[in-house]
């Protein structure tokens, strides 16, 4: 599989919405190095989005009252 296809498979797994047949196909074709790289990138992006969301909520004054 290409790296883009691996990223798509990781995205489906990240949200937990992958059918059994698609999962079995992905497991058979995925490159473990691509999975690790895509997983780390997805985790970093997720944490970054959460940090930015918290900063926005705190800065907007919504959480202050």
Protein backbone atom coordinates (compact mmCIF):
# COMPACT_ATOMS: atom_id res chain seq x y z
CA UNK A 1 0.00 0.00 0.00
CA UNK A 2 1.09 3.56 -0.57
CA UNK A 3 1.59 5.94 2.32
CA UNK A 4 -1.63 7.79 1.42
CA UNK A 5 -3.61 4.55 1.58
CA UNK A 6 -1.98 3.81 4.93
CA UNK A 7 -3.01 7.24 6.23
CA UNK A 8 -6.60 6.54 5.13
CA UNK A 9 -6.56 3.19 6.94
CA UNK A 10 -5.17 4.86 10.09
CA UNK A 11 -7.87 7.55 9.89
CA UNK A 12 -10.60 4.90 9.71
CA UNK A 13 -9.04 3.06 12.64
CA UNK A 14 -8.63 6.29 14.62
CA UNK A 15 -12.38 6.90 14.45
CA UNK A 16 -13.21 3.21 14.88
CA UNK A 17 -15.45 2.92 11.82
CA UNK A 18 -13.94 0.22 9.63
CA UNK A 19 -15.79 -2.81 8.31
CA UNK A 20 -14.35 -6.27 8.92
CA UNK A 21 -13.54 -7.00 5.27
CA UNK A 22 -11.74 -3.67 4.85
CA UNK A 23 -9.83 -4.25 8.06
CA UNK A 24 -8.66 -7.70 6.95
CA UNK A 25 -7.54 -6.28 3.60
CA UNK A 26 -5.63 -3.46 5.31
CA UNK A 27 -3.90 -5.82 7.74
CA UNK A 28 -2.69 -7.96 4.87
CA UNK A 29 -1.29 -5.03 2.86
CA UNK A 30 -0.10 -2.42 5.36
CA UNK A 31 3.57 -1.61 5.75
CA UNK A 32 4.38 -1.54 9.50
CA UNK A 33 6.76 1.41 9.10
CA UNK A 34 4.04 3.42 7.35
CA UNK A 35 1.58 2.51 10.12
CA UNK A 36 3.92 3.74 12.84
CA UNK A 37 4.71 7.00 11.02
CA UNK A 38 1.06 7.69 10.19
CA UNK A 39 -0.03 6.80 13.73
CA UNK A 40 2.50 9.17 15.30
CA UNK A 41 1.50 11.97 12.92
CA UNK A 42 -2.20 11.39 13.67
CA UNK A 43 -1.58 11.39 17.44
CA UNK A 44 0.47 14.62 17.27
CA UNK A 45 -2.22 16.32 15.18
CA UNK A 46 -4.92 15.16 17.59
CA UNK A 47 -3.06 16.54 20.61
CA UNK A 48 -2.30 19.78 18.77
CA UNK A 49 -5.98 20.27 17.91
CA UNK A 50 -6.96 19.64 21.53
CA UNK A 51 -4.39 22.13 22.83
CA UNK A 52 -5.53 24.78 20.34
CA UNK A 53 -9.16 24.14 21.25
CA UNK A 54 -8.45 24.55 24.97
CA UNK A 55 -6.46 27.74 24.34
CA UNK A 56 -9.32 29.12 22.25
CA UNK A 57 -11.93 28.31 24.92
CA UNK A 58 -9.81 29.83 27.69
CA UNK A 59 -9.00 32.90 25.59
CA UNK A 60 -12.61 33.50 24.60
CA UNK A 61 -13.70 33.82 28.23
CA UNK A 62 -16.32 31.06 27.92
CA UNK A 63 -14.61 28.97 30.62
CA UNK A 64 -13.84 31.95 32.84
CA UNK A 65 -17.26 32.50 34.38
